[in-house]
């Protein structure tokens, strides 16, 4: 279990273990049970659906994620997961190349994040499947990247509902601002 130097708002985010070694839960099922009981203790029917979503999120392949969060605001419905990655960079690129196939031109903007030299956010709509971009279902994608001391902290969230994903952008910006970039850089420095 990696303890990344990240400050999150527990009324907006739930940490999802990417590895259960050293965790208080034995596996994804035990974690999903805990989340469901904590989130909706008095609603058995809703607890079942929350558990199913939590289990699916916990069983997602973490790829390069060092930590994962589930957007679960106290004042709203659960949303997508957000993965945080770290990479040593020698190029000037901040965000990765956008997907080749896009529904519309992505919206990319620089953002100010304390403790980082540069930061940016990109919002994209990516067609899913083999049909043309005009008829394919879409996957909304938000990517953040911030650099400091030769590392790039990346964050990615995706959802089939662009409106739901849009609701987490402000909370994602706040999560990025809660990162201690220099401490993260020391964790991956060669």
Protein backbone atom coordinates (compact mmCIF):
# COMPACT_ATOMS: atom_id res chain seq x y z
CA UNK A 1 0.00 0.00 0.00
CA UNK A 2 1.49 3.32 -1.04
CA UNK A 3 0.76 6.27 1.18
CA UNK A 4 0.88 9.13 -1.29
CA UNK A 5 1.10 12.65 0.18
CA UNK A 6 -2.41 13.62 -0.87
CA UNK A 7 -5.00 15.61 1.05
CA UNK A 8 -8.55 14.86 -0.08
CA UNK A 9 -11.95 16.03 1.03
CA UNK A 10 -13.58 12.90 2.53
CA UNK A 11 -17.01 14.40 1.86
CA UNK A 12 -16.20 14.25 -1.89
CA UNK A 13 -13.83 11.28 -2.38
CA UNK A 14 -13.35 7.72 -1.15
CA UNK A 15 -9.89 6.18 -1.49
CA UNK A 16 -9.97 2.91 -3.42
CA UNK A 17 -7.11 0.51 -2.66
CA UNK A 18 -5.17 -0.43 -5.79
CA UNK A 19 -3.48 -3.24 -3.83
CA UNK A 20 -4.84 -4.86 -0.69
CA UNK A 21 -1.47 -5.79 0.83
CA UNK A 22 -1.22 -3.89 4.11
CA UNK A 23 -4.83 -2.71 3.95
CA UNK A 24 -7.40 -3.37 6.66
CA UNK A 25 -9.56 -5.18 4.07
CA UNK A 26 -8.56 -8.59 2.76
CA UNK A 27 -9.82 -8.02 -0.78
CA UNK A 28 -12.00 -5.93 -3.08
CA UNK A 29 -15.17 -7.64 -1.82
CA UNK A 30 -14.47 -6.78 1.82
CA UNK A 31 -13.69 -3.18 0.87
CA UNK A 32 -16.90 -2.92 -1.21
CA UNK A 33 -18.93 -4.26 1.75
CA UNK A 34 -17.35 -1.67 4.04
CA UNK A 35 -18.04 1.20 1.59
CA UNK A 36 -21.66 0.15 1.08
CA UNK A 37 -22.37 -0.09 4.80
CA UNK A 38 -20.65 3.22 5.53
CA UNK A 39 -22.35 5.06 2.65
CA UNK A 40 -25.95 3.93 3.15
CA UNK A 41 -26.24 2.10 6.47
CA UNK A 42 -30.03 2.13 6.59
CA UNK A 43 -30.92 1.38 2.97
CA UNK A 44 -30.47 -2.33 2.15
CA UNK A 45 -31.59 -2.00 -1.49
CA UNK A 46 -29.31 0.94 -2.27
CA UNK A 47 -26.50 -0.70 -0.35
CA UNK A 48 -26.52 -3.57 -2.87
CA UNK A 49 -26.11 -1.24 -5.84
CA UNK A 50 -23.40 0.81 -4.08
CA UNK A 51 -21.55 -2.42 -3.27
CA UNK A 52 -21.73 -3.55 -6.91
CA UNK A 53 -20.30 -0.25 -8.17
CA UNK A 54 -17.62 -0.20 -5.46
CA UNK A 55 -16.58 -3.76 -6.30
CA UNK A 56 -16.35 -2.96 -10.02
CA UNK A 57 -14.18 0.10 -9.29
CA UNK A 58 -11.93 -1.83 -6.89
CA UNK A 59 -11.42 -4.59 -9.45
CA UNK A 60 -10.42 -2.22 -12.29
CA UNK A 61 -6.85 -2.78 -13.42
CA UNK A 62 -4.82 0.00 -11.80
CA UNK A 63 -2.36 0.11 -14.74
CA UNK A 64 0.14 2.71 -13.53
CA UNK A 65 -2.07 4.26 -10.83
CA UNK A 66 -0.39 4.88 -7.51
CA UNK A 67 -3.70 5.74 -5.92
CA UNK A 68 -7.36 5.71 -6.99
CA UNK A 69 -10.29 7.73 -5.67
CA UNK A 70 -14.00 7.29 -6.18
CA UNK A 71 -16.00 10.48 -6.57
CA UNK A 72 -18.74 9.98 -4.00
CA UNK A 73 -19.91 13.40 -2.79
CA UNK A 74 -22.04 13.54 0.35
CA UNK A 75 -24.45 15.86 -1.47
CA UNK A 76 -24.80 13.88 -4.69
CA UNK A 77 -24.72 10.56 -6.45
CA UNK A 78 -21.60 8.42 -6.83
CA UNK A 79 -19.59 9.17 -9.93
CA UNK A 80 -16.53 7.75 -11.66
CA UNK A 81 -13.16 6.76 -10.29
CA UNK A 82 -10.09 8.94 -10.70
CA UNK A 83 -6.59 7.45 -11.00
CA UNK A 84 -3.42 9.28 -9.98
CA UNK A 85 -0.18 8.39 -11.77
CA UNK A 86 3.43 9.53 -11.49
CA UNK A 87 5.96 9.66 -14.31
CA UNK A 88 9.48 10.95 -14.69
CA UNK A 89 9.56 13.29 -17.66
CA UNK A 90 12.35 14.57 -19.80
CA UNK A 91 10.18 16.04 -22.53
CA UNK A 92 8.33 19.31 -22.44
CA UNK A 93 4.97 17.56 -22.88
CA UNK A 94 2.65 17.84 -19.94
CA UNK A 95 -0.49 15.97 -21.01
CA UNK A 96 -0.19 12.74 -23.01
CA UNK A 97 -1.16 12.78 -26.67
CA UNK A 98 -4.96 12.95 -27.04
CA UNK A 99 -6.75 9.86 -28.35
CA UNK A 100 -6.64 9.52 -32.14
CA UNK A 101 -10.39 9.35 -32.56
CA UNK A 102 -12.39 12.17 -30.99
CA UNK A 103 -16.00 13.33 -31.30
CA UNK A 104 -15.03 17.00 -30.99
CA UNK A 105 -11.79 18.89 -30.54
CA UNK A 106 -10.67 18.46 -26.90
CA UNK A 107 -10.82 21.40 -24.51
CA UNK A 108 -7.35 21.88 -23.07
CA UNK A 109 -6.45 24.64 -20.66
CA UNK A 110 -3.65 25.64 -18.34
CA UNK A 111 -4.61 25.73 -14.69
CA UNK A 112 -2.88 27.21 -11.65
CA UNK A 113 -2.00 24.63 -9.00
CA UNK A 114 0.05 25.68 -5.95
CA UNK A 115 3.25 23.67 -5.53
CA UNK A 116 3.59 22.80 -9.23
CA UNK A 117 5.56 24.53 -11.96
CA UNK A 118 2.92 23.90 -14.67
CA UNK A 119 -0.49 22.26 -14.79
CA UNK A 120 -3.18 21.61 -17.38
CA UNK A 121 -6.57 19.94 -17.77
CA UNK A 122 -8.04 18.39 -20.91
CA UNK A 123 -11.64 17.34 -21.49
CA UNK A 124 -12.38 15.02 -24.41
CA UNK A 125 -15.23 13.00 -25.88
CA UNK A 126 -13.98 9.72 -27.30
CA UNK A 127 -16.14 7.45 -29.47
CA UNK A 128 -16.46 3.89 -28.17
CA UNK A 129 -16.64 0.87 -30.43
CA UNK A 130 -16.17 0.47 -34.16
CA UNK A 131 -18.97 2.68 -35.47
CA UNK A 132 -18.28 6.14 -36.86
CA UNK A 133 -17.83 9.09 -34.54
CA UNK A 134 -21.31 10.39 -35.43
CA UNK A 135 -23.16 7.31 -34.19
CA UNK A 136 -20.87 5.76 -31.58
CA UNK A 137 -21.56 5.99 -27.87
CA UNK A 138 -19.09 8.34 -26.22
CA UNK A 139 -16.75 8.14 -23.29
CA UNK A 140 -16.11 11.45 -21.60
CA UNK A 141 -12.52 11.80 -20.44
CA UNK A 142 -10.90 14.36 -18.14
CA UNK A 143 -7.15 14.38 -17.75
CA UNK A 144 -5.06 16.53 -15.44
CA UNK A 145 -1.27 16.84 -15.45
CA UNK A 146 1.00 18.88 -13.22
CA UNK A 147 4.79 18.98 -13.23
CA UNK A 148 7.36 19.67 -10.55
CA UNK A 149 11.00 18.68 -10.12
CA UNK A 150 11.06 16.51 -13.26
CA UNK A 151 7.96 14.45 -12.55
CA UNK A 152 4.44 14.69 -13.92
CA UNK A 153 1.50 13.87 -11.72
CA UNK A 154 -1.34 12.70 -13.91
CA UNK A 155 -4.99 12.21 -13.01
CA UNK A 156 -7.58 10.60 -15.25
CA UNK A 157 -11.32 10.09 -14.91
CA UNK A 158 -13.71 8.68 -17.51
CA UNK A 159 -17.45 8.14 -17.65
CA UNK A 160 -20.10 7.28 -20.21
CA UNK A 161 -22.14 10.22 -18.91
CA UNK A 162 -20.42 13.53 -19.82
CA UNK A 163 -22.66 15.50 -17.44
CA UNK A 164 -21.76 13.27 -14.50
CA UNK A 165 -18.07 13.59 -15.34
CA UNK A 166 -18.39 17.38 -15.60
CA UNK A 167 -19.65 17.47 -12.01
CA UNK A 168 -16.35 16.13 -10.73
CA UNK A 169 -14.06 18.62 -12.52
CA UNK A 170 -14.10 21.15 -9.66
CA UNK A 171 -13.50 18.39 -7.12
CA UNK A 172 -10.72 16.99 -9.33
CA UNK A 173 -9.05 20.39 -9.44
CA UNK A 174 -9.24 20.52 -5.63
CA UNK A 175 -7.80 17.01 -5.35
CA UNK A 176 -4.87 18.03 -7.58
CA UNK A 177 -4.32 21.10 -5.41
CA UNK A 178 -4.18 18.77 -2.38
CA UNK A 179 -1.16 16.92 -3.76
CA UNK A 180 2.28 17.60 -2.37
CA UNK A 181 4.09 17.58 -5.70
CA UNK A 182 7.60 17.77 -4.28
CA UNK A 183 6.93 14.88 -1.88
CA UNK A 184 5.56 12.85 -4.79
CA UNK A 185 8.64 13.74 -6.85
CA UNK A 186 10.90 12.43 -4.06
CA UNK A 187 8.98 9.13 -4.14
CA UNK A 188 9.89 8.49 -7.79
CA UNK A 189 13.18 10.33 -8.12
CA UNK A 190 15.93 8.10 -9.53
